[in-house]
Amino acid sequence: RIIDFDAKRFVLHQEMIDDRDGAL
């Protein structure tokens, strides 16, 4: 997801989930 941006840049944040147990 996009968590911040301005006219020339943006910040993406990502969470990787292990689907075996739904843990981060």
PDBML (XML) file of the C-alpha atoms, coordinates in Angstrom:
<?xml version="1.0" encoding="UTF-8" ?>
<PDBx:datablock datablockName="MODEL"
   xmlns:PDBx="http://pdbml.pdb.org/schema/pdbx-v50.xsd"
   xmlns:xsi="http://www.w3.org/2001/XMLSchema-instance"
   xsi:schemaLocation="http://pdbml.pdb.org/schema/pdbx-v50.xsd pdbx-v50.xsd">
   <PDBx:atom_siteCategory>
      <PDBx:atom_site id="1">
         <PDBx:B_iso_or_equiv>0.00</PDBx:B_iso_or_equiv>
         <PDBx:Cartn_x>0.000</PDBx:Cartn_x>
         <PDBx:Cartn_y>0.000</PDBx:Cartn_y>
         <PDBx:Cartn_z>0.000</PDBx:Cartn_z>
         <PDBx:auth_asym_id>A</PDBx:auth_asym_id>
         <PDBx:auth_atom_id>CA</PDBx:auth_atom_id>
         <PDBx:auth_comp_id>ARG</PDBx:auth_comp_id>
         <PDBx:auth_seq_id>1</PDBx:auth_seq_id>
         <PDBx:group_PDB>ATOM</PDBx:group_PDB>
         <PDBx:label_alt_id xsi:nil="true" />
         <PDBx:label_asym_id>A</PDBx:label_asym_id>
         <PDBx:label_atom_id>CA</PDBx:label_atom_id>
         <PDBx:label_comp_id>ARG</PDBx:label_comp_id>
         <PDBx:label_entity_id>1</PDBx:label_entity_id>
         <PDBx:label_seq_id>1</PDBx:label_seq_id>
         <PDBx:occupancy>1.00</PDBx:occupancy>
         <PDBx:pdbx_PDB_model_num>1</PDBx:pdbx_PDB_model_num>
         <PDBx:type_symbol>C</PDBx:type_symbol>
      </PDBx:atom_site>
      <PDBx:atom_site id="2">
         <PDBx:B_iso_or_equiv>0.00</PDBx:B_iso_or_equiv>
         <PDBx:Cartn_x>0.933</PDBx:Cartn_x>
         <PDBx:Cartn_y>3.643</PDBx:Cartn_y>
         <PDBx:Cartn_z>-0.502</PDBx:Cartn_z>
         <PDBx:auth_asym_id>A</PDBx:auth_asym_id>
         <PDBx:auth_atom_id>CA</PDBx:auth_atom_id>
         <PDBx:auth_comp_id>ILE</PDBx:auth_comp_id>
         <PDBx:auth_seq_id>2</PDBx:auth_seq_id>
         <PDBx:group_PDB>ATOM</PDBx:group_PDB>
         <PDBx:label_alt_id xsi:nil="true" />
         <PDBx:label_asym_id>A</PDBx:label_asym_id>
         <PDBx:label_atom_id>CA</PDBx:label_atom_id>
         <PDBx:label_comp_id>ILE</PDBx:label_comp_id>
         <PDBx:label_entity_id>1</PDBx:label_entity_id>
         <PDBx:label_seq_id>2</PDBx:label_seq_id>
         <PDBx:occupancy>1.00</PDBx:occupancy>
         <PDBx:pdbx_PDB_model_num>1</PDBx:pdbx_PDB_model_num>
         <PDBx:type_symbol>C</PDBx:type_symbol>
      </PDBx:atom_site>
      <PDBx:atom_site id="3">
         <PDBx:B_iso_or_equiv>0.00</PDBx:B_iso_or_equiv>
         <PDBx:Cartn_x>1.522</PDBx:Cartn_x>
         <PDBx:Cartn_y>5.331</PDBx:Cartn_y>
         <PDBx:Cartn_z>2.843</PDBx:Cartn_z>
         <PDBx:auth_asym_id>A</PDBx:auth_asym_id>
         <PDBx:auth_atom_id>CA</PDBx:auth_atom_id>
         <PDBx:auth_comp_id>ILE</PDBx:auth_comp_id>
         <PDBx:auth_seq_id>3</PDBx:auth_seq_id>
         <PDBx:group_PDB>ATOM</PDBx:group_PDB>
         <PDBx:label_alt_id xsi:nil="true" />
         <PDBx:label_asym_id>A</PDBx:label_asym_id>
         <PDBx:label_atom_id>CA</PDBx:label_atom_id>
         <PDBx:label_comp_id>ILE</PDBx:label_comp_id>
         <PDBx:label_entity_id>1</PDBx:label_entity_id>
         <PDBx:label_seq_id>3</PDBx:label_seq_id>
         <PDBx:occupancy>1.00</PDBx:occupancy>
         <PDBx:pdbx_PDB_model_num>1</PDBx:pdbx_PDB_model_num>
         <PDBx:type_symbol>C</PDBx:type_symbol>
      </PDBx:atom_site>
      <PDBx:atom_site id="4">
         <PDBx:B_iso_or_equiv>0.00</PDBx:B_iso_or_equiv>
         <PDBx:Cartn_x>2.886</PDBx:Cartn_x>
         <PDBx:Cartn_y>8.703</PDBx:Cartn_y>
         <PDBx:Cartn_z>1.735</PDBx:Cartn_z>
         <PDBx:auth_asym_id>A</PDBx:auth_asym_id>
         <PDBx:auth_atom_id>CA</PDBx:auth_atom_id>
         <PDBx:auth_comp_id>ASP</PDBx:auth_comp_id>
         <PDBx:auth_seq_id>4</PDBx:auth_seq_id>
         <PDBx:group_PDB>ATOM</PDBx:group_PDB>
         <PDBx:label_alt_id xsi:nil="true" />
         <PDBx:label_asym_id>A</PDBx:label_asym_id>
         <PDBx:label_atom_id>CA</PDBx:label_atom_id>
         <PDBx:label_comp_id>ASP</PDBx:label_comp_id>
         <PDBx:label_entity_id>1</PDBx:label_entity_id>
         <PDBx:label_seq_id>4</PDBx:label_seq_id>
         <PDBx:occupancy>1.00</PDBx:occupancy>
         <PDBx:pdbx_PDB_model_num>1</PDBx:pdbx_PDB_model_num>
         <PDBx:type_symbol>C</PDBx:type_symbol>
      </PDBx:atom_site>
      <PDBx:atom_site id="5">
         <PDBx:B_iso_or_equiv>0.00</PDBx:B_iso_or_equiv>
         <PDBx:Cartn_x>3.540</PDBx:Cartn_x>
         <PDBx:Cartn_y>10.691</PDBx:Cartn_y>
         <PDBx:Cartn_z>-1.423</PDBx:Cartn_z>
         <PDBx:auth_asym_id>A</PDBx:auth_asym_id>
         <PDBx:auth_atom_id>CA</PDBx:auth_atom_id>
         <PDBx:auth_comp_id>PHE</PDBx:auth_comp_id>
         <PDBx:auth_seq_id>5</PDBx:auth_seq_id>
         <PDBx:group_PDB>ATOM</PDBx:group_PDB>
         <PDBx:label_alt_id xsi:nil="true" />
         <PDBx:label_asym_id>A</PDBx:label_asym_id>
         <PDBx:label_atom_id>CA</PDBx:label_atom_id>
         <PDBx:label_comp_id>PHE</PDBx:label_comp_id>
         <PDBx:label_entity_id>1</PDBx:label_entity_id>
         <PDBx:label_seq_id>5</PDBx:label_seq_id>
         <PDBx:occupancy>1.00</PDBx:occupancy>
         <PDBx:pdbx_PDB_model_num>1</PDBx:pdbx_PDB_model_num>
         <PDBx:type_symbol>C</PDBx:type_symbol>
      </PDBx:atom_site>
      <PDBx:atom_site id="6">
         <PDBx:B_iso_or_equiv>0.00</PDBx:B_iso_or_equiv>
         <PDBx:Cartn_x>4.367</PDBx:Cartn_x>
         <PDBx:Cartn_y>14.125</PDBx:Cartn_y>
         <PDBx:Cartn_z>-2.750</PDBx:Cartn_z>
         <PDBx:auth_asym_id>A</PDBx:auth_asym_id>
         <PDBx:auth_atom_id>CA</PDBx:auth_atom_id>
         <PDBx:auth_comp_id>ASP</PDBx:auth_comp_id>
         <PDBx:auth_seq_id>6</PDBx:auth_seq_id>
         <PDBx:group_PDB>ATOM</PDBx:group_PDB>
         <PDBx:label_alt_id xsi:nil="true" />
         <PDBx:label_asym_id>A</PDBx:label_asym_id>
         <PDBx:label_atom_id>CA</PDBx:label_atom_id>
         <PDBx:label_comp_id>ASP</PDBx:label_comp_id>
         <PDBx:label_entity_id>1</PDBx:label_entity_id>
         <PDBx:label_seq_id>6</PDBx:label_seq_id>
         <PDBx:occupancy>1.00</PDBx:occupancy>
         <PDBx:pdbx_PDB_model_num>1</PDBx:pdbx_PDB_model_num>
         <PDBx:type_symbol>C</PDBx:type_symbol>
      </PDBx:atom_site>
      <PDBx:atom_site id="7">
         <PDBx:B_iso_or_equiv>0.00</PDBx:B_iso_or_equiv>
         <PDBx:Cartn_x>4.725</PDBx:Cartn_x>
         <PDBx:Cartn_y>15.642</PDBx:Cartn_y>
         <PDBx:Cartn_z>-6.220</PDBx:Cartn_z>
         <PDBx:auth_asym_id>A</PDBx:auth_asym_id>
         <PDBx:auth_atom_id>CA</PDBx:auth_atom_id>
         <PDBx:auth_comp_id>ALA</PDBx:auth_comp_id>
         <PDBx:auth_seq_id>7</PDBx:auth_seq_id>
         <PDBx:group_PDB>ATOM</PDBx:group_PDB>
         <PDBx:label_alt_id xsi:nil="true" />
         <PDBx:label_asym_id>A</PDBx:label_asym_id>
         <PDBx:label_atom_id>CA</PDBx:label_atom_id>
         <PDBx:label_comp_id>ALA</PDBx:label_comp_id>
         <PDBx:label_entity_id>1</PDBx:label_entity_id>
         <PDBx:label_seq_id>7</PDBx:label_seq_id>
         <PDBx:occupancy>1.00</PDBx:occupancy>
         <PDBx:pdbx_PDB_model_num>1</PDBx:pdbx_PDB_model_num>
         <PDBx:type_symbol>C</PDBx:type_symbol>
      </PDBx:atom_site>
      <PDBx:atom_site id="8">
         <PDBx:B_iso_or_equiv>0.00</PDBx:B_iso_or_equiv>
         <PDBx:Cartn_x>7.825</PDBx:Cartn_x>
         <PDBx:Cartn_y>13.576</PDBx:Cartn_y>
         <PDBx:Cartn_z>-7.089</PDBx:Cartn_z>
         <PDBx:auth_asym_id>A</PDBx:auth_asym_id>
         <PDBx:auth_atom_id>CA</PDBx:auth_atom_id>
         <PDBx:auth_comp_id>LYS</PDBx:auth_comp_id>
         <PDBx:auth_seq_id>8</PDBx:auth_seq_id>
         <PDBx:group_PDB>ATOM</PDBx:group_PDB>
         <PDBx:label_alt_id xsi:nil="true" />
         <PDBx:label_asym_id>A</PDBx:label_asym_id>
         <PDBx:label_atom_id>CA</PDBx:label_atom_id>
         <PDBx:label_comp_id>LYS</PDBx:label_comp_id>
         <PDBx:label_entity_id>1</PDBx:label_entity_id>
         <PDBx:label_seq_id>8</PDBx:label_seq_id>
         <PDBx:occupancy>1.00</PDBx:occupancy>
         <PDBx:pdbx_PDB_model_num>1</PDBx:pdbx_PDB_model_num>
         <PDBx:type_symbol>C</PDBx:type_symbol>
      </PDBx:atom_site>
      <PDBx:atom_site id="9">
         <PDBx:B_iso_or_equiv>0.00</PDBx:B_iso_or_equiv>
         <PDBx:Cartn_x>8.014</PDBx:Cartn_x>
         <PDBx:Cartn_y>10.600</PDBx:Cartn_y>
         <PDBx:Cartn_z>-4.693</PDBx:Cartn_z>
         <PDBx:auth_asym_id>A</PDBx:auth_asym_id>
         <PDBx:auth_atom_id>CA</PDBx:auth_atom_id>
         <PDBx:auth_comp_id>ARG</PDBx:auth_comp_id>
         <PDBx:auth_seq_id>9</PDBx:auth_seq_id>
         <PDBx:group_PDB>ATOM</PDBx:group_PDB>
         <PDBx:label_alt_id xsi:nil="true" />
         <PDBx:label_asym_id>A</PDBx:label_asym_id>
         <PDBx:label_atom_id>CA</PDBx:label_atom_id>
         <PDBx:label_comp_id>ARG</PDBx:label_comp_id>
         <PDBx:label_entity_id>1</PDBx:label_entity_id>
         <PDBx:label_seq_id>9</PDBx:label_seq_id>
         <PDBx:occupancy>1.00</PDBx:occupancy>
         <PDBx:pdbx_PDB_model_num>1</PDBx:pdbx_PDB_model_num>
         <PDBx:type_symbol>C</PDBx:type_symbol>
      </PDBx:atom_site>
      <PDBx:atom_site id="10">
         <PDBx:B_iso_or_equiv>0.00</PDBx:B_iso_or_equiv>
         <PDBx:Cartn_x>5.955</PDBx:Cartn_x>
         <PDBx:Cartn_y>8.004</PDBx:Cartn_y>
         <PDBx:Cartn_z>-2.900</PDBx:Cartn_z>
         <PDBx:auth_asym_id>A</PDBx:auth_asym_id>
         <PDBx:auth_atom_id>CA</PDBx:auth_atom_id>
         <PDBx:auth_comp_id>PHE</PDBx:auth_comp_id>
         <PDBx:auth_seq_id>10</PDBx:auth_seq_id>
         <PDBx:group_PDB>ATOM</PDBx:group_PDB>
         <PDBx:label_alt_id xsi:nil="true" />
         <PDBx:label_asym_id>A</PDBx:label_asym_id>
         <PDBx:label_atom_id>CA</PDBx:label_atom_id>
         <PDBx:label_comp_id>PHE</PDBx:label_comp_id>
         <PDBx:label_entity_id>1</PDBx:label_entity_id>
         <PDBx:label_seq_id>10</PDBx:label_seq_id>
         <PDBx:occupancy>1.00</PDBx:occupancy>
         <PDBx:pdbx_PDB_model_num>1</PDBx:pdbx_PDB_model_num>
         <PDBx:type_symbol>C</PDBx:type_symbol>
      </PDBx:atom_site>
      <PDBx:atom_site id="11">
         <PDBx:B_iso_or_equiv>0.00</PDBx:B_iso_or_equiv>
         <PDBx:Cartn_x>6.453</PDBx:Cartn_x>
         <PDBx:Cartn_y>5.516</PDBx:Cartn_y>
         <PDBx:Cartn_z>-0.091</PDBx:Cartn_z>
         <PDBx:auth_asym_id>A</PDBx:auth_asym_id>
         <PDBx:auth_atom_id>CA</PDBx:auth_atom_id>
         <PDBx:auth_comp_id>VAL</PDBx:auth_comp_id>
         <PDBx:auth_seq_id>11</PDBx:auth_seq_id>
         <PDBx:group_PDB>ATOM</PDBx:group_PDB>
         <PDBx:label_alt_id xsi:nil="true" />
         <PDBx:label_asym_id>A</PDBx:label_asym_id>
         <PDBx:label_atom_id>CA</PDBx:label_atom_id>
         <PDBx:label_comp_id>VAL</PDBx:label_comp_id>
         <PDBx:label_entity_id>1</PDBx:label_entity_id>
         <PDBx:label_seq_id>11</PDBx:label_seq_id>
         <PDBx:occupancy>1.00</PDBx:occupancy>
         <PDBx:pdbx_PDB_model_num>1</PDBx:pdbx_PDB_model_num>
         <PDBx:type_symbol>C</PDBx:type_symbol>
      </PDBx:atom_site>
      <PDBx:atom_site id="12">
         <PDBx:B_iso_or_equiv>0.00</PDBx:B_iso_or_equiv>
         <PDBx:Cartn_x>5.243</PDBx:Cartn_x>
         <PDBx:Cartn_y>1.930</PDBx:Cartn_y>
         <PDBx:Cartn_z>-0.365</PDBx:Cartn_z>
         <PDBx:auth_asym_id>A</PDBx:auth_asym_id>
         <PDBx:auth_atom_id>CA</PDBx:auth_atom_id>
         <PDBx:auth_comp_id>LEU</PDBx:auth_comp_id>
         <PDBx:auth_seq_id>12</PDBx:auth_seq_id>
         <PDBx:group_PDB>ATOM</PDBx:group_PDB>
         <PDBx:label_alt_id xsi:nil="true" />
         <PDBx:label_asym_id>A</PDBx:label_asym_id>
         <PDBx:label_atom_id>CA</PDBx:label_atom_id>
         <PDBx:label_comp_id>LEU</PDBx:label_comp_id>
         <PDBx:label_entity_id>1</PDBx:label_entity_id>
         <PDBx:label_seq_id>12</PDBx:label_seq_id>
         <PDBx:occupancy>1.00</PDBx:occupancy>
         <PDBx:pdbx_PDB_model_num>1</PDBx:pdbx_PDB_model_num>
         <PDBx:type_symbol>C</PDBx:type_symbol>
      </PDBx:atom_site>
      <PDBx:atom_site id="13">
         <PDBx:B_iso_or_equiv>0.00</PDBx:B_iso_or_equiv>
         <PDBx:Cartn_x>4.787</PDBx:Cartn_x>
         <PDBx:Cartn_y>-0.245</PDBx:Cartn_y>
         <PDBx:Cartn_z>2.700</PDBx:Cartn_z>
         <PDBx:auth_asym_id>A</PDBx:auth_asym_id>
         <PDBx:auth_atom_id>CA</PDBx:auth_atom_id>
         <PDBx:auth_comp_id>HIS</PDBx:auth_comp_id>
         <PDBx:auth_seq_id>13</PDBx:auth_seq_id>
         <PDBx:group_PDB>ATOM</PDBx:group_PDB>
         <PDBx:label_alt_id xsi:nil="true" />
         <PDBx:label_asym_id>A</PDBx:label_asym_id>
         <PDBx:label_atom_id>CA</PDBx:label_atom_id>
         <PDBx:label_comp_id>HIS</PDBx:label_comp_id>
         <PDBx:label_entity_id>1</PDBx:label_entity_id>
         <PDBx:label_seq_id>13</PDBx:label_seq_id>
         <PDBx:occupancy>1.00</PDBx:occupancy>
         <PDBx:pdbx_PDB_model_num>1</PDBx:pdbx_PDB_model_num>
         <PDBx:type_symbol>C</PDBx:type_symbol>
      </PDBx:atom_site>
      <PDBx:atom_site id="14">
         <PDBx:B_iso_or_equiv>0.00</PDBx:B_iso_or_equiv>
         <PDBx:Cartn_x>4.587</PDBx:Cartn_x>
         <PDBx:Cartn_y>-4.006</PDBx:Cartn_y>
         <PDBx:Cartn_z>2.361</PDBx:Cartn_z>
         <PDBx:auth_asym_id>A</PDBx:auth_asym_id>
         <PDBx:auth_atom_id>CA</PDBx:auth_atom_id>
         <PDBx:auth_comp_id>GLN</PDBx:auth_comp_id>
         <PDBx:auth_seq_id>14</PDBx:auth_seq_id>
         <PDBx:group_PDB>ATOM</PDBx:group_PDB>
         <PDBx:label_alt_id xsi:nil="true" />
         <PDBx:label_asym_id>A</PDBx:label_asym_id>
         <PDBx:label_atom_id>CA</PDBx:label_atom_id>
         <PDBx:label_comp_id>GLN</PDBx:label_comp_id>
         <PDBx:label_entity_id>1</PDBx:label_entity_id>
         <PDBx:label_seq_id>14</PDBx:label_seq_id>
         <PDBx:occupancy>1.00</PDBx:occupancy>
         <PDBx:pdbx_PDB_model_num>1</PDBx:pdbx_PDB_model_num>
         <PDBx:type_symbol>C</PDBx:type_symbol>
      </PDBx:atom_site>
      <PDBx:atom_site id="15">
         <PDBx:B_iso_or_equiv>0.00</PDBx:B_iso_or_equiv>
         <PDBx:Cartn_x>3.703</PDBx:Cartn_x>
         <PDBx:Cartn_y>-6.836</PDBx:Cartn_y>
         <PDBx:Cartn_z>4.702</PDBx:Cartn_z>
         <PDBx:auth_asym_id>A</PDBx:auth_asym_id>
         <PDBx:auth_atom_id>CA</PDBx:auth_atom_id>
         <PDBx:auth_comp_id>GLU</PDBx:auth_comp_id>
         <PDBx:auth_seq_id>15</PDBx:auth_seq_id>
         <PDBx:group_PDB>ATOM</PDBx:group_PDB>
         <PDBx:label_alt_id xsi:nil="true" />
         <PDBx:label_asym_id>A</PDBx:label_asym_id>
         <PDBx:label_atom_id>CA</PDBx:label_atom_id>
         <PDBx:label_comp_id>GLU</PDBx:label_comp_id>
         <PDBx:label_entity_id>1</PDBx:label_entity_id>
         <PDBx:label_seq_id>15</PDBx:label_seq_id>
         <PDBx:occupancy>1.00</PDBx:occupancy>
         <PDBx:pdbx_PDB_model_num>1</PDBx:pdbx_PDB_model_num>
         <PDBx:type_symbol>C</PDBx:type_symbol>
      </PDBx:atom_site>
      <PDBx:atom_site id="16">
         <PDBx:B_iso_or_equiv>0.00</PDBx:B_iso_or_equiv>
         <PDBx:Cartn_x>4.790</PDBx:Cartn_x>
         <PDBx:Cartn_y>-10.380</PDBx:Cartn_y>
         <PDBx:Cartn_z>3.843</PDBx:Cartn_z>
         <PDBx:auth_asym_id>A</PDBx:auth_asym_id>
         <PDBx:auth_atom_id>CA</PDBx:auth_atom_id>
         <PDBx:auth_comp_id>MET</PDBx:auth_comp_id>
         <PDBx:auth_seq_id>16</PDBx:auth_seq_id>
         <PDBx:group_PDB>ATOM</PDBx:group_PDB>
         <PDBx:label_alt_id xsi:nil="true" />
         <PDBx:label_asym_id>A</PDBx:label_asym_id>
         <PDBx:label_atom_id>CA</PDBx:label_atom_id>
         <PDBx:label_comp_id>MET</PDBx:label_comp_id>
         <PDBx:label_entity_id>1</PDBx:label_entity_id>
         <PDBx:label_seq_id>16</PDBx:label_seq_id>
         <PDBx:occupancy>1.00</PDBx:occupancy>
         <PDBx:pdbx_PDB_model_num>1</PDBx:pdbx_PDB_model_num>
         <PDBx:type_symbol>C</PDBx:type_symbol>
      </PDBx:atom_site>
      <PDBx:atom_site id="17">
         <PDBx:B_iso_or_equiv>0.00</PDBx:B_iso_or_equiv>
         <PDBx:Cartn_x>2.465</PDBx:Cartn_x>
         <PDBx:Cartn_y>-12.957</PDBx:Cartn_y>
         <PDBx:Cartn_z>5.378</PDBx:Cartn_z>
         <PDBx:auth_asym_id>A</PDBx:auth_asym_id>
         <PDBx:auth_atom_id>CA</PDBx:auth_atom_id>
         <PDBx:auth_comp_id>ILE</PDBx:auth_comp_id>
         <PDBx:auth_seq_id>17</PDBx:auth_seq_id>
         <PDBx:group_PDB>ATOM</PDBx:group_PDB>
         <PDBx:label_alt_id xsi:nil="true" />
         <PDBx:label_asym_id>A</PDBx:label_asym_id>
         <PDBx:label_atom_id>CA</PDBx:label_atom_id>
         <PDBx:label_comp_id>ILE</PDBx:label_comp_id>
         <PDBx:label_entity_id>1</PDBx:label_entity_id>
         <PDBx:label_seq_id>17</PDBx:label_seq_id>
         <PDBx:occupancy>1.00</PDBx:occupancy>
         <PDBx:pdbx_PDB_model_num>1</PDBx:pdbx_PDB_model_num>
         <PDBx:type_symbol>C</PDBx:type_symbol>
      </PDBx:atom_site>
      <PDBx:atom_site id="18">
         <PDBx:B_iso_or_equiv>0.00</PDBx:B_iso_or_equiv>
         <PDBx:Cartn_x>3.336</PDBx:Cartn_x>
         <PDBx:Cartn_y>-16.642</PDBx:Cartn_y>
         <PDBx:Cartn_z>5.719</PDBx:Cartn_z>
         <PDBx:auth_asym_id>A</PDBx:auth_asym_id>
         <PDBx:auth_atom_id>CA</PDBx:auth_atom_id>
         <PDBx:auth_comp_id>ASP</PDBx:auth_comp_id>
         <PDBx:auth_seq_id>18</PDBx:auth_seq_id>
         <PDBx:group_PDB>ATOM</PDBx:group_PDB>
         <PDBx:label_alt_id xsi:nil="true" />
         <PDBx:label_asym_id>A</PDBx:label_asym_id>
         <PDBx:label_atom_id>CA</PDBx:label_atom_id>
         <PDBx:label_comp_id>ASP</PDBx:label_comp_id>
         <PDBx:label_entity_id>1</PDBx:label_entity_id>
         <PDBx:label_seq_id>18</PDBx:label_seq_id>
         <PDBx:occupancy>1.00</PDBx:occupancy>
         <PDBx:pdbx_PDB_model_num>1</PDBx:pdbx_PDB_model_num>
         <PDBx:type_symbol>C</PDBx:type_symbol>
      </PDBx:atom_site>
      <PDBx:atom_site id="19">
         <PDBx:B_iso_or_equiv>0.00</PDBx:B_iso_or_equiv>
         <PDBx:Cartn_x>0.128</PDBx:Cartn_x>
         <PDBx:Cartn_y>-18.323</PDBx:Cartn_y>
         <PDBx:Cartn_z>4.563</PDBx:Cartn_z>
         <PDBx:auth_asym_id>A</PDBx:auth_asym_id>
         <PDBx:auth_atom_id>CA</PDBx:auth_atom_id>
         <PDBx:auth_comp_id>ASP</PDBx:auth_comp_id>
         <PDBx:auth_seq_id>19</PDBx:auth_seq_id>
         <PDBx:group_PDB>ATOM</PDBx:group_PDB>
         <PDBx:label_alt_id xsi:nil="true" />
         <PDBx:label_asym_id>A</PDBx:label_asym_id>
         <PDBx:label_atom_id>CA</PDBx:label_atom_id>
         <PDBx:label_comp_id>ASP</PDBx:label_comp_id>
         <PDBx:label_entity_id>1</PDBx:label_entity_id>
         <PDBx:label_seq_id>19</PDBx:label_seq_id>
         <PDBx:occupancy>1.00</PDBx:occupancy>
         <PDBx:pdbx_PDB_model_num>1</PDBx:pdbx_PDB_model_num>
         <PDBx:type_symbol>C</PDBx:type_symbol>
      </PDBx:atom_site>
      <PDBx:atom_site id="20">
         <PDBx:B_iso_or_equiv>0.00</PDBx:B_iso_or_equiv>
         <PDBx:Cartn_x>0.818</PDBx:Cartn_x>
         <PDBx:Cartn_y>-21.475</PDBx:Cartn_y>
         <PDBx:Cartn_z>6.610</PDBx:Cartn_z>
         <PDBx:auth_asym_id>A</PDBx:auth_asym_id>
         <PDBx:auth_atom_id>CA</PDBx:auth_atom_id>
         <PDBx:auth_comp_id>ARG</PDBx:auth_comp_id>
         <PDBx:auth_seq_id>20</PDBx:auth_seq_id>
         <PDBx:group_PDB>ATOM</PDBx:group_PDB>
         <PDBx:label_alt_id xsi:nil="true" />
         <PDBx:label_asym_id>A</PDBx:label_asym_id>
         <PDBx:label_atom_id>CA</PDBx:label_atom_id>
         <PDBx:label_comp_id>ARG</PDBx:label_comp_id>
         <PDBx:label_entity_id>1</PDBx:label_entity_id>
         <PDBx:label_seq_id>20</PDBx:label_seq_id>
         <PDBx:occupancy>1.00</PDBx:occupancy>
         <PDBx:pdbx_PDB_model_num>1</PDBx:pdbx_PDB_model_num>
         <PDBx:type_symbol>C</PDBx:type_symbol>
      </PDBx:atom_site>
      <PDBx:atom_site id="21">
         <PDBx:B_iso_or_equiv>0.00</PDBx:B_iso_or_equiv>
         <PDBx:Cartn_x>-0.360</PDBx:Cartn_x>
         <PDBx:Cartn_y>-19.697</PDBx:Cartn_y>
         <PDBx:Cartn_z>9.736</PDBx:Cartn_z>
         <PDBx:auth_asym_id>A</PDBx:auth_asym_id>
         <PDBx:auth_atom_id>CA</PDBx:auth_atom_id>
         <PDBx:auth_comp_id>ASP</PDBx:auth_comp_id>
         <PDBx:auth_seq_id>21</PDBx:auth_seq_id>
         <PDBx:group_PDB>ATOM</PDBx:group_PDB>
         <PDBx:label_alt_id xsi:nil="true" />
         <PDBx:label_asym_id>A</PDBx:label_asym_id>
         <PDBx:label_atom_id>CA</PDBx:label_atom_id>
         <PDBx:label_comp_id>ASP</PDBx:label_comp_id>
         <PDBx:label_entity_id>1</PDBx:label_entity_id>
         <PDBx:label_seq_id>21</PDBx:label_seq_id>
         <PDBx:occupancy>1.00</PDBx:occupancy>
         <PDBx:pdbx_PDB_model_num>1</PDBx:pdbx_PDB_model_num>
         <PDBx:type_symbol>C</PDBx:type_symbol>
      </PDBx:atom_site>
      <PDBx:atom_site id="22">
         <PDBx:B_iso_or_equiv>0.00</PDBx:B_iso_or_equiv>
         <PDBx:Cartn_x>-1.134</PDBx:Cartn_x>
         <PDBx:Cartn_y>-16.114</PDBx:Cartn_y>
         <PDBx:Cartn_z>8.709</PDBx:Cartn_z>
         <PDBx:auth_asym_id>A</PDBx:auth_asym_id>
         <PDBx:auth_atom_id>CA</PDBx:auth_atom_id>
         <PDBx:auth_comp_id>GLY</PDBx:auth_comp_id>
         <PDBx:auth_seq_id>22</PDBx:auth_seq_id>
         <PDBx:group_PDB>ATOM</PDBx:group_PDB>
         <PDBx:label_alt_id xsi:nil="true" />
         <PDBx:label_asym_id>A</PDBx:label_asym_id>
         <PDBx:label_atom_id>CA</PDBx:label_atom_id>
         <PDBx:label_comp_id>GLY</PDBx:label_comp_id>
         <PDBx:label_entity_id>1</PDBx:label_entity_id>
         <PDBx:label_seq_id>22</PDBx:label_seq_id>
         <PDBx:occupancy>1.00</PDBx:occupancy>
         <PDBx:pdbx_PDB_model_num>1</PDBx:pdbx_PDB_model_num>
         <PDBx:type_symbol>C</PDBx:type_symbol>
      </PDBx:atom_site>
      <PDBx:atom_site id="23">
         <PDBx:B_iso_or_equiv>0.00</PDBx:B_iso_or_equiv>
         <PDBx:Cartn_x>1.823</PDBx:Cartn_x>
         <PDBx:Cartn_y>-14.729</PDBx:Cartn_y>
         <PDBx:Cartn_z>10.654</PDBx:Cartn_z>
         <PDBx:auth_asym_id>A</PDBx:auth_asym_id>
         <PDBx:auth_atom_id>CA</PDBx:auth_atom_id>
         <PDBx:auth_comp_id>ALA</PDBx:auth_comp_id>
         <PDBx:auth_seq_id>23</PDBx:auth_seq_id>
         <PDBx:group_PDB>ATOM</PDBx:group_PDB>
         <PDBx:label_alt_id xsi:nil="true" />
         <PDBx:label_asym_id>A</PDBx:label_asym_id>
         <PDBx:label_atom_id>CA</PDBx:label_atom_id>
         <PDBx:label_comp_id>ALA</PDBx:label_comp_id>
         <PDBx:label_entity_id>1</PDBx:label_entity_id>
         <PDBx:label_seq_id>23</PDBx:label_seq_id>
         <PDBx:occupancy>1.00</PDBx:occupancy>
         <PDBx:pdbx_PDB_model_num>1</PDBx:pdbx_PDB_model_num>
         <PDBx:type_symbol>C</PDBx:type_symbol>
      </PDBx:atom_site>
      <PDBx:atom_site id="24">
         <PDBx:B_iso_or_equiv>0.00</PDBx:B_iso_or_equiv>
         <PDBx:Cartn_x>3.820</PDBx:Cartn_x>
         <PDBx:Cartn_y>-11.686</PDBx:Cartn_y>
         <PDBx:Cartn_z>9.627</PDBx:Cartn_z>
         <PDBx:auth_asym_id>A</PDBx:auth_asym_id>
         <PDBx:auth_atom_id>CA</PDBx:auth_atom_id>
         <PDBx:auth_comp_id>LEU</PDBx:auth_comp_id>
         <PDBx:auth_seq_id>24</PDBx:auth_seq_id>
         <PDBx:group_PDB>ATOM</PDBx:group_PDB>
         <PDBx:label_alt_id xsi:nil="true" />
         <PDBx:label_asym_id>A</PDBx:label_asym_id>
         <PDBx:label_atom_id>CA</PDBx:label_atom_id>
         <PDBx:label_comp_id>LEU</PDBx:label_comp_id>
         <PDBx:label_entity_id>1</PDBx:label_entity_id>
         <PDBx:label_seq_id>24</PDBx:label_seq_id>
         <PDBx:occupancy>1.00</PDBx:occupancy>
         <PDBx:pdbx_PDB_model_num>1</PDBx:pdbx_PDB_model_num>
         <PDBx:type_symbol>C</PDBx:type_symbol>
      </PDBx:atom_site>
   </PDBx:atom_siteCategory>
</PDBx:datablock>
